[in-house]
């Protein structure tokens, strides 16, 4: 896996700031670094997103003597105890309510710890426009085998770069 070319640039933080504040475009940043615009775009999409996610991840915070994560863990233990008691006594309704509370708490804990996100995810590979674009590219490049090979190589490079998201 190759390291991110943008991340390794000496003034990467400055360029990120300039891109974010729209002082320069991604294309301009690519020219400065000496790379493709796709490298900058991939960096902004992958590396910056991880930095933002790490920065936004809340630390368990003490608020008036309350640690939210610890309080949720204690509450979850109480709910599981209620669930066990409801099952032992045959109170199906109470057991189901306890399970519903547990699911709500797990969702909240997942959001607080960054392990769960309810952001929309889009699968571009199944997008009809993308499928049509692939068909057009293949058909258009049919008489040009060298161009098809080069396009294939570039797509493979892009795929390798995408597999290198942790850098």
N, C-alpha and C. Protein backbone atom coordinates (compact mmCIF):
# COMPACT_ATOMS: atom_id res chain seq x y z
N UNK A 1 0.83 -1.19 0.00
CA UNK A 1 0.00 0.00 0.00
C UNK A 1 0.87 1.25 0.00
N UNK A 2 0.52 2.16 -0.86
CA UNK A 2 1.28 3.40 -0.95
C UNK A 2 0.71 4.43 0.01
N UNK A 3 1.60 5.24 0.61
CA UNK A 3 1.09 6.32 1.46
C UNK A 3 0.44 7.40 0.60
N UNK A 4 -0.44 8.15 1.20
CA UNK A 4 -1.14 9.22 0.49
C UNK A 4 -0.13 10.31 0.11
N UNK A 5 -0.05 10.61 -1.17
CA UNK A 5 0.90 11.60 -1.66
C UNK A 5 0.59 12.98 -1.08
N UNK A 6 -0.67 13.30 -0.93
CA UNK A 6 -1.06 14.60 -0.38
C UNK A 6 -0.63 14.69 1.09
N UNK A 7 -0.91 13.63 1.87
CA UNK A 7 -0.55 13.64 3.29
C UNK A 7 0.95 13.84 3.48
N UNK A 8 1.75 13.32 2.55
CA UNK A 8 3.21 13.42 2.68
C UNK A 8 3.76 14.75 2.19
N UNK A 9 2.93 15.60 1.61
CA UNK A 9 3.39 16.89 1.13
C UNK A 9 3.70 17.79 2.33
N UNK A 10 4.80 18.53 2.28
CA UNK A 10 5.26 19.30 3.44
C UNK A 10 4.26 20.34 3.92
N UNK A 11 3.49 20.95 3.03
CA UNK A 11 2.51 21.96 3.41
C UNK A 11 1.08 21.46 3.25
N UNK A 12 0.88 20.19 3.55
CA UNK A 12 -0.44 19.58 3.35
C UNK A 12 -1.53 20.31 4.15
N UNK A 13 -1.24 20.64 5.40
CA UNK A 13 -2.26 21.30 6.24
C UNK A 13 -2.66 22.65 5.66
N UNK A 14 -1.69 23.38 5.15
CA UNK A 14 -1.99 24.68 4.55
C UNK A 14 -2.86 24.51 3.30
N UNK A 15 -2.52 23.54 2.47
CA UNK A 15 -3.32 23.31 1.26
C UNK A 15 -4.74 22.85 1.62
N UNK A 16 -4.86 22.00 2.63
CA UNK A 16 -6.19 21.55 3.07
C UNK A 16 -7.03 22.75 3.48
N UNK A 17 -6.42 23.65 4.23
CA UNK A 17 -7.14 24.85 4.69
C UNK A 17 -7.55 25.71 3.50
N UNK A 18 -6.65 25.87 2.54
CA UNK A 18 -6.96 26.71 1.38
C UNK A 18 -8.06 26.07 0.53
N UNK A 19 -8.06 24.77 0.42
CA UNK A 19 -9.13 24.09 -0.33
C UNK A 19 -10.45 24.25 0.41
N UNK A 20 -10.41 24.03 1.73
CA UNK A 20 -11.64 24.12 2.54
C UNK A 20 -12.24 25.51 2.51
N UNK A 21 -11.40 26.53 2.45
CA UNK A 21 -11.90 27.91 2.43
C UNK A 21 -12.07 28.44 1.00
N UNK A 22 -11.91 27.55 0.05
CA UNK A 22 -12.09 27.85 -1.37
C UNK A 22 -11.13 28.93 -1.89
N UNK A 23 -9.96 29.03 -1.29
CA UNK A 23 -8.94 29.95 -1.80
C UNK A 23 -8.24 29.35 -3.01
N UNK A 24 -8.17 28.02 -3.03
CA UNK A 24 -7.64 27.32 -4.21
C UNK A 24 -8.54 26.13 -4.49
N UNK A 25 -8.49 25.66 -5.72
CA UNK A 25 -9.28 24.48 -6.09
C UNK A 25 -8.45 23.22 -5.88
N UNK A 26 -9.10 22.09 -5.97
CA UNK A 26 -8.37 20.83 -5.87
C UNK A 26 -7.41 20.68 -7.04
N UNK A 27 -7.79 21.17 -8.19
CA UNK A 27 -6.90 21.12 -9.37
C UNK A 27 -5.65 21.95 -9.13
N UNK A 28 -5.82 23.13 -8.54
CA UNK A 28 -4.66 23.98 -8.24
C UNK A 28 -3.75 23.30 -7.22
N UNK A 29 -4.34 22.69 -6.22
CA UNK A 29 -3.54 21.98 -5.21
C UNK A 29 -2.77 20.83 -5.86
N UNK A 30 -3.41 20.14 -6.79
CA UNK A 30 -2.74 19.03 -7.49
C UNK A 30 -1.52 19.54 -8.25
N UNK A 31 -1.66 20.69 -8.91
CA UNK A 31 -0.53 21.27 -9.64
C UNK A 31 0.60 21.65 -8.68
N UNK A 32 0.26 22.18 -7.51
CA UNK A 32 1.27 22.58 -6.53
C UNK A 32 2.05 21.35 -6.04
N UNK A 33 1.32 20.29 -5.75
CA UNK A 33 1.95 19.07 -5.22
C UNK A 33 2.66 18.30 -6.34
N UNK A 34 2.10 18.39 -7.54
CA UNK A 34 2.66 17.62 -8.66
C UNK A 34 2.02 16.25 -8.75
N UNK A 35 0.71 16.23 -8.58
CA UNK A 35 -0.03 14.96 -8.65
C UNK A 35 -1.31 15.17 -9.45
N UNK A 36 -2.08 14.12 -9.59
CA UNK A 36 -3.37 14.20 -10.28
C UNK A 36 -4.42 14.80 -9.35
N UNK A 37 -5.44 15.43 -9.95
CA UNK A 37 -6.55 15.97 -9.16
C UNK A 37 -7.25 14.84 -8.40
N UNK A 38 -7.29 13.63 -8.99
CA UNK A 38 -7.94 12.50 -8.32
C UNK A 38 -7.24 12.17 -7.00
N UNK A 39 -5.92 12.38 -6.93
CA UNK A 39 -5.19 12.15 -5.68
C UNK A 39 -5.65 13.12 -4.61
N UNK A 40 -5.83 14.38 -4.99
CA UNK A 40 -6.29 15.40 -4.04
C UNK A 40 -7.73 15.10 -3.62
N UNK A 41 -8.56 14.76 -4.59
CA UNK A 41 -9.95 14.45 -4.30
C UNK A 41 -10.05 13.26 -3.35
N UNK A 42 -9.27 12.22 -3.61
CA UNK A 42 -9.27 11.03 -2.76
C UNK A 42 -8.80 11.38 -1.35
N UNK A 43 -7.76 12.23 -1.27
CA UNK A 43 -7.26 12.67 0.03
C UNK A 43 -8.36 13.41 0.81
N UNK A 44 -9.02 14.33 0.14
CA UNK A 44 -10.06 15.12 0.81
C UNK A 44 -11.22 14.22 1.24
N UNK A 45 -11.53 13.23 0.42
CA UNK A 45 -12.65 12.33 0.73
C UNK A 45 -12.28 11.35 1.84
N UNK A 46 -11.07 10.80 1.80
CA UNK A 46 -10.71 9.73 2.74
C UNK A 46 -9.93 10.23 3.96
N UNK A 47 -8.80 10.86 3.72
CA UNK A 47 -7.92 11.26 4.83
C UNK A 47 -8.55 12.35 5.68
N UNK A 48 -9.10 13.36 5.04
CA UNK A 48 -9.71 14.47 5.79
C UNK A 48 -10.93 13.97 6.55
N UNK A 49 -11.72 13.12 5.92
CA UNK A 49 -12.91 12.59 6.61
C UNK A 49 -12.51 11.86 7.89
N UNK A 50 -11.40 11.12 7.85
CA UNK A 50 -10.94 10.40 9.04
C UNK A 50 -10.46 11.39 10.11
N UNK A 51 -9.76 12.44 9.68
CA UNK A 51 -9.30 13.45 10.64
C UNK A 51 -10.48 14.12 11.32
N UNK A 52 -11.49 14.47 10.54
CA UNK A 52 -12.68 15.12 11.09
C UNK A 52 -13.40 14.17 12.04
N UNK A 53 -13.51 12.92 11.65
CA UNK A 53 -14.20 11.94 12.49
C UNK A 53 -13.46 11.78 13.82
N UNK A 54 -12.12 11.71 13.78
CA UNK A 54 -11.35 11.59 15.02
C UNK A 54 -11.52 12.84 15.90
N UNK A 55 -11.50 14.00 15.26
CA UNK A 55 -11.62 15.25 16.02
C UNK A 55 -13.02 15.40 16.61
N UNK A 56 -14.03 14.90 15.90
CA UNK A 56 -15.41 15.06 16.35
C UNK A 56 -15.83 13.99 17.34
N UNK A 57 -15.03 12.92 17.45
CA UNK A 57 -15.39 11.83 18.36
C UNK A 57 -15.35 12.35 19.79
N UNK A 58 -16.46 12.30 20.45
CA UNK A 58 -16.49 12.86 21.81
C UNK A 58 -15.73 11.98 22.79
N UNK A 59 -15.02 12.61 23.65
CA UNK A 59 -14.39 11.92 24.76
C UNK A 59 -15.43 11.81 25.86
N UNK A 60 -15.39 10.75 26.62
CA UNK A 60 -16.32 10.69 27.74
C UNK A 60 -16.11 11.92 28.61
N UNK A 61 -17.13 12.74 28.71
CA UNK A 61 -16.98 14.03 29.38
C UNK A 61 -17.70 14.03 30.72
N UNK A 62 -17.05 14.62 31.68
CA UNK A 62 -17.65 14.81 32.98
C UNK A 62 -18.48 16.09 32.95
N UNK A 63 -19.76 15.96 33.14
CA UNK A 63 -20.63 17.11 33.20
C UNK A 63 -21.37 17.04 34.52
N UNK A 64 -21.05 17.97 35.39
CA UNK A 64 -21.64 17.99 36.73
C UNK A 64 -21.53 16.61 37.37
N UNK A 65 -20.32 16.02 37.29
CA UNK A 65 -20.10 14.73 37.92
C UNK A 65 -20.66 13.55 37.15
N UNK A 66 -21.13 13.76 35.93
CA UNK A 66 -21.74 12.69 35.15
C UNK A 66 -20.87 12.36 33.95
N UNK A 67 -20.44 11.12 33.85
CA UNK A 67 -19.75 10.64 32.68
C UNK A 67 -20.80 9.91 31.84
N UNK A 68 -21.14 10.47 30.68
CA UNK A 68 -22.26 9.97 29.88
C UNK A 68 -22.06 8.50 29.48
N UNK A 69 -20.87 8.16 29.06
CA UNK A 69 -20.61 6.78 28.64
C UNK A 69 -20.78 5.83 29.82
N UNK A 70 -20.21 6.18 30.97
CA UNK A 70 -20.35 5.31 32.15
C UNK A 70 -21.81 5.20 32.58
N UNK A 71 -22.54 6.33 32.52
CA UNK A 71 -23.96 6.30 32.89
C UNK A 71 -24.75 5.40 31.95
N UNK A 72 -24.44 5.47 30.66
CA UNK A 72 -25.13 4.59 29.71
C UNK A 72 -24.81 3.12 29.98
N UNK A 73 -23.56 2.83 30.33
CA UNK A 73 -23.19 1.45 30.63
C UNK A 73 -23.93 0.93 31.87
N UNK A 74 -24.04 1.77 32.88
CA UNK A 74 -24.77 1.38 34.08
C UNK A 74 -26.25 1.20 33.77
N UNK A 75 -26.80 2.10 32.98
CA UNK A 75 -28.20 2.00 32.60
C UNK A 75 -28.45 0.72 31.79
N UNK A 76 -27.53 0.41 30.91
CA UNK A 76 -27.66 -0.81 30.10
C UNK A 76 -27.65 -2.05 31.00
N UNK A 77 -26.80 -2.06 31.99
CA UNK A 77 -26.76 -3.20 32.93
C UNK A 77 -28.10 -3.34 33.64
N UNK A 78 -28.71 -2.21 34.05
CA UNK A 78 -30.03 -2.26 34.71
C UNK A 78 -31.09 -2.79 33.74
N UNK A 79 -31.04 -2.35 32.51
CA UNK A 79 -32.03 -2.81 31.51
C UNK A 79 -31.89 -4.31 31.27
N UNK A 80 -30.66 -4.79 31.17
CA UNK A 80 -30.47 -6.23 30.96
C UNK A 80 -30.93 -7.03 32.17
N UNK A 81 -30.78 -6.46 33.36
CA UNK A 81 -31.28 -7.11 34.57
C UNK A 81 -32.81 -7.19 34.54
N UNK A 82 -33.45 -6.10 34.12
CA UNK A 82 -34.92 -6.08 33.99
C UNK A 82 -35.36 -7.10 32.95
N UNK A 83 -34.64 -7.18 31.86
CA UNK A 83 -34.95 -8.15 30.80
C UNK A 83 -34.87 -9.58 31.35
N UNK A 84 -33.78 -9.89 32.06
CA UNK A 84 -33.62 -11.24 32.62
C UNK A 84 -34.74 -11.57 33.59
N UNK A 85 -35.09 -10.60 34.44
CA UNK A 85 -36.17 -10.82 35.42
C UNK A 85 -37.51 -11.04 34.69
N UNK A 86 -37.76 -10.23 33.65
CA UNK A 86 -39.02 -10.36 32.89
C UNK A 86 -39.10 -11.73 32.22
N UNK A 87 -38.01 -12.21 31.70
CA UNK A 87 -38.01 -13.54 31.06
C UNK A 87 -38.27 -14.64 32.09
N UNK A 88 -37.65 -14.49 33.27
CA UNK A 88 -37.82 -15.51 34.31
C UNK A 88 -39.25 -15.57 34.82
N UNK A 89 -39.90 -14.40 34.88
CA UNK A 89 -41.29 -14.37 35.38
C UNK A 89 -42.30 -14.58 34.26
N UNK A 90 -41.83 -14.65 33.02
CA UNK A 90 -42.73 -14.86 31.88
C UNK A 90 -43.45 -13.61 31.42
N UNK A 91 -42.97 -12.44 31.83
CA UNK A 91 -43.59 -11.18 31.43
C UNK A 91 -43.02 -10.76 30.06
N UNK A 92 -43.63 -11.26 29.01
CA UNK A 92 -43.15 -11.03 27.64
C UNK A 92 -43.16 -9.55 27.30
N UNK A 93 -44.20 -8.85 27.71
CA UNK A 93 -44.31 -7.43 27.39
C UNK A 93 -43.15 -6.63 27.99
N UNK A 94 -42.83 -6.88 29.24
CA UNK A 94 -41.71 -6.18 29.90
C UNK A 94 -40.38 -6.57 29.24
N UNK A 95 -40.25 -7.83 28.85
CA UNK A 95 -39.01 -8.27 28.19
C UNK A 95 -38.81 -7.54 26.86
N UNK A 96 -39.90 -7.42 26.09
CA UNK A 96 -39.81 -6.73 24.80
C UNK A 96 -39.48 -5.25 25.02
N UNK A 97 -40.09 -4.62 25.99
CA UNK A 97 -39.79 -3.21 26.28
C UNK A 97 -38.33 -3.03 26.69
N UNK A 98 -37.83 -3.97 27.49
CA UNK A 98 -36.42 -3.89 27.90
C UNK A 98 -35.50 -4.03 26.69
N UNK A 99 -35.84 -4.92 25.77
CA UNK A 99 -35.04 -5.09 24.56
C UNK A 99 -35.08 -3.83 23.70
N UNK A 100 -36.25 -3.20 23.61
CA UNK A 100 -36.35 -1.95 22.85
C UNK A 100 -35.48 -0.86 23.47
N UNK A 101 -35.46 -0.79 24.79
CA UNK A 101 -34.59 0.18 25.47
C UNK A 101 -33.13 -0.12 25.20
N UNK A 102 -32.77 -1.41 25.21
CA UNK A 102 -31.38 -1.77 24.96
C UNK A 102 -30.95 -1.37 23.55
N UNK A 103 -31.81 -1.60 22.57
CA UNK A 103 -31.49 -1.21 21.20
C UNK A 103 -31.28 0.30 21.11
N UNK A 104 -32.15 1.07 21.76
CA UNK A 104 -31.99 2.53 21.77
C UNK A 104 -30.68 2.94 22.40
N UNK A 105 -30.32 2.30 23.49
CA UNK A 105 -29.07 2.64 24.17
C UNK A 105 -27.85 2.24 23.33
N UNK A 106 -27.91 1.08 22.71
CA UNK A 106 -26.79 0.66 21.86
C UNK A 106 -26.61 1.63 20.69
N UNK A 107 -27.72 2.09 20.13
CA UNK A 107 -27.65 3.07 19.04
C UNK A 107 -27.00 4.36 19.53
N UNK A 108 -27.42 4.84 20.67
CA UNK A 108 -26.86 6.07 21.24
C UNK A 108 -25.38 5.89 21.56
N UNK A 109 -25.01 4.77 22.18
CA UNK A 109 -23.61 4.53 22.50
C UNK A 109 -22.78 4.44 21.22
N UNK A 110 -23.32 3.81 20.19
CA UNK A 110 -22.60 3.71 18.92
C UNK A 110 -22.36 5.08 18.31
N UNK A 111 -23.35 5.95 18.39
CA UNK A 111 -23.19 7.31 17.86
C UNK A 111 -22.18 8.11 18.68
N UNK A 112 -22.24 7.98 19.99
CA UNK A 112 -21.32 8.71 20.86
C UNK A 112 -19.88 8.27 20.69
N UNK A 113 -19.66 7.00 20.44
CA UNK A 113 -18.30 6.48 20.31
C UNK A 113 -17.81 6.48 18.87
N UNK A 114 -18.68 6.86 17.92
CA UNK A 114 -18.28 6.90 16.52
C UNK A 114 -18.33 5.54 15.84
N UNK A 115 -18.90 4.53 16.50
CA UNK A 115 -18.98 3.20 15.91
C UNK A 115 -20.22 3.02 15.05
N UNK A 116 -21.12 3.96 15.10
CA UNK A 116 -22.36 3.87 14.34
C UNK A 116 -22.65 5.23 13.72
N UNK A 117 -23.05 5.19 12.47
CA UNK A 117 -23.40 6.43 11.79
C UNK A 117 -24.67 6.20 11.00
N UNK A 118 -25.56 7.18 11.03
CA UNK A 118 -26.79 7.05 10.25
C UNK A 118 -26.73 7.89 8.99
N UNK A 119 -25.48 8.17 8.52
CA UNK A 119 -25.31 8.91 7.28
C UNK A 119 -25.74 8.05 6.10
N UNK A 120 -26.27 8.68 5.08
CA UNK A 120 -26.68 8.00 3.88
C UNK A 120 -25.47 7.49 3.12
N UNK A 121 -25.54 6.25 2.67
CA UNK A 121 -24.47 5.69 1.86
C UNK A 121 -25.02 5.42 0.46
N UNK A 122 -24.24 5.78 -0.54
CA UNK A 122 -24.67 5.61 -1.92
C UNK A 122 -23.75 4.62 -2.61
N UNK A 123 -24.33 3.64 -3.28
CA UNK A 123 -23.55 2.68 -4.04
C UNK A 123 -23.54 3.13 -5.49
N UNK A 124 -22.46 3.81 -5.88
CA UNK A 124 -22.38 4.37 -7.23
C UNK A 124 -22.29 3.27 -8.28
N UNK A 125 -21.77 2.11 -7.91
CA UNK A 125 -21.60 1.04 -8.89
C UNK A 125 -22.93 0.56 -9.46
N UNK A 126 -24.00 0.74 -8.71
CA UNK A 126 -25.32 0.30 -9.17
C UNK A 126 -26.12 1.46 -9.77
N UNK A 127 -25.55 2.64 -9.76
CA UNK A 127 -26.21 3.81 -10.31
C UNK A 127 -26.34 3.63 -11.83
N UNK A 128 -27.55 3.75 -12.37
CA UNK A 128 -27.75 3.56 -13.81
C UNK A 128 -26.88 4.47 -14.67
N UNK A 129 -26.65 5.70 -14.21
CA UNK A 129 -25.81 6.62 -14.97
C UNK A 129 -24.37 6.12 -15.02
N UNK A 130 -23.88 5.57 -13.90
CA UNK A 130 -22.52 5.05 -13.88
C UNK A 130 -22.39 3.82 -14.77
N UNK A 131 -23.39 2.94 -14.71
CA UNK A 131 -23.38 1.75 -15.56
C UNK A 131 -23.37 2.16 -17.03
N UNK A 132 -24.18 3.15 -17.37
CA UNK A 132 -24.23 3.66 -18.75
C UNK A 132 -22.89 4.26 -19.15
N UNK A 133 -22.26 5.01 -18.25
CA UNK A 133 -20.95 5.61 -18.52
C UNK A 133 -19.92 4.53 -18.81
N UNK A 134 -19.92 3.46 -18.02
CA UNK A 134 -18.98 2.35 -18.27
C UNK A 134 -19.21 1.76 -19.65
N UNK A 135 -20.47 1.56 -20.02
CA UNK A 135 -20.79 1.00 -21.33
C UNK A 135 -20.29 1.92 -22.45
N UNK A 136 -20.49 3.21 -22.29
CA UNK A 136 -20.05 4.18 -23.29
C UNK A 136 -18.53 4.15 -23.42
N UNK A 137 -17.83 4.12 -22.29
CA UNK A 137 -16.36 4.10 -22.32
C UNK A 137 -15.84 2.84 -23.03
N UNK A 138 -16.40 1.72 -22.70
CA UNK A 138 -15.96 0.46 -23.31
C UNK A 138 -16.21 0.48 -24.81
N UNK A 139 -17.40 0.92 -25.21
CA UNK A 139 -17.75 0.96 -26.63
C UNK A 139 -16.88 1.97 -27.38
N UNK A 140 -16.67 3.15 -26.79
CA UNK A 140 -15.88 4.19 -27.43
C UNK A 140 -14.42 3.78 -27.60
N UNK A 141 -13.89 3.07 -26.62
CA UNK A 141 -12.47 2.69 -26.67
C UNK A 141 -12.23 1.37 -27.40
N UNK A 142 -13.27 0.75 -27.90
CA UNK A 142 -13.13 -0.53 -28.59
C UNK A 142 -12.10 -0.49 -29.72
N UNK A 143 -12.11 0.53 -30.57
CA UNK A 143 -11.12 0.55 -31.66
C UNK A 143 -9.71 0.96 -31.21
N UNK A 144 -9.54 1.30 -29.94
CA UNK A 144 -8.25 1.79 -29.44
C UNK A 144 -7.76 0.91 -28.29
N UNK A 145 -7.19 -0.25 -28.61
CA UNK A 145 -6.79 -1.19 -27.54
C UNK A 145 -5.77 -0.59 -26.57
N UNK A 146 -4.87 0.25 -27.06
CA UNK A 146 -3.87 0.86 -26.17
C UNK A 146 -4.56 1.76 -25.13
N UNK A 147 -5.54 2.51 -25.59
CA UNK A 147 -6.27 3.40 -24.68
C UNK A 147 -7.06 2.58 -23.66
N UNK A 148 -7.63 1.47 -24.09
CA UNK A 148 -8.37 0.61 -23.16
C UNK A 148 -7.44 0.07 -22.08
N UNK A 149 -6.23 -0.36 -22.50
CA UNK A 149 -5.26 -0.88 -21.54
C UNK A 149 -4.85 0.21 -20.56
N UNK A 150 -4.59 1.42 -21.06
CA UNK A 150 -4.18 2.53 -20.20
C UNK A 150 -5.29 2.91 -19.23
N UNK A 151 -6.52 2.94 -19.71
CA UNK A 151 -7.66 3.24 -18.83
C UNK A 151 -7.76 2.18 -17.74
N UNK A 152 -7.60 0.92 -18.14
CA UNK A 152 -7.66 -0.17 -17.18
C UNK A 152 -6.57 -0.03 -16.12
N UNK A 153 -5.36 0.33 -16.55
CA UNK A 153 -4.26 0.53 -15.61
C UNK A 153 -4.57 1.66 -14.63
N UNK A 154 -5.08 2.76 -15.14
CA UNK A 154 -5.41 3.90 -14.28
C UNK A 154 -6.51 3.55 -13.28
N UNK A 155 -7.50 2.80 -13.73
CA UNK A 155 -8.57 2.38 -12.82
C UNK A 155 -8.03 1.46 -11.74
N UNK A 156 -7.09 0.60 -12.10
CA UNK A 156 -6.48 -0.29 -11.11
C UNK A 156 -5.66 0.53 -10.11
N UNK A 157 -4.93 1.54 -10.59
CA UNK A 157 -4.18 2.42 -9.69
C UNK A 157 -5.12 3.12 -8.72
N UNK A 158 -6.23 3.59 -9.27
CA UNK A 158 -7.22 4.27 -8.44
C UNK A 158 -7.76 3.31 -7.38
N UNK A 159 -8.01 2.07 -7.78
CA UNK A 159 -8.51 1.07 -6.86
C UNK A 159 -7.47 0.80 -5.76
N UNK A 160 -6.18 0.74 -6.13
CA UNK A 160 -5.12 0.53 -5.14
C UNK A 160 -5.08 1.71 -4.18
N UNK A 161 -5.21 2.93 -4.70
CA UNK A 161 -5.21 4.11 -3.84
C UNK A 161 -6.39 4.08 -2.88
N UNK A 162 -7.55 3.63 -3.37
CA UNK A 162 -8.74 3.55 -2.51
C UNK A 162 -8.54 2.50 -1.42
N UNK A 163 -7.80 1.45 -1.73
CA UNK A 163 -7.51 0.42 -0.73
C UNK A 163 -6.53 0.90 0.31
N UNK A 164 -5.92 2.05 0.07
CA UNK A 164 -4.92 2.62 0.95
C UNK A 164 -5.51 3.77 1.76
N UNK A 165 -6.73 3.61 2.22
CA UNK A 165 -7.46 4.70 2.88
C UNK A 165 -6.93 5.04 4.26
N UNK A 166 -6.17 4.17 4.87
CA UNK A 166 -5.71 4.43 6.24
C UNK A 166 -4.51 5.36 6.29
N UNK A 167 -3.97 5.74 5.13
CA UNK A 167 -2.78 6.59 5.14
C UNK A 167 -3.14 8.04 5.05
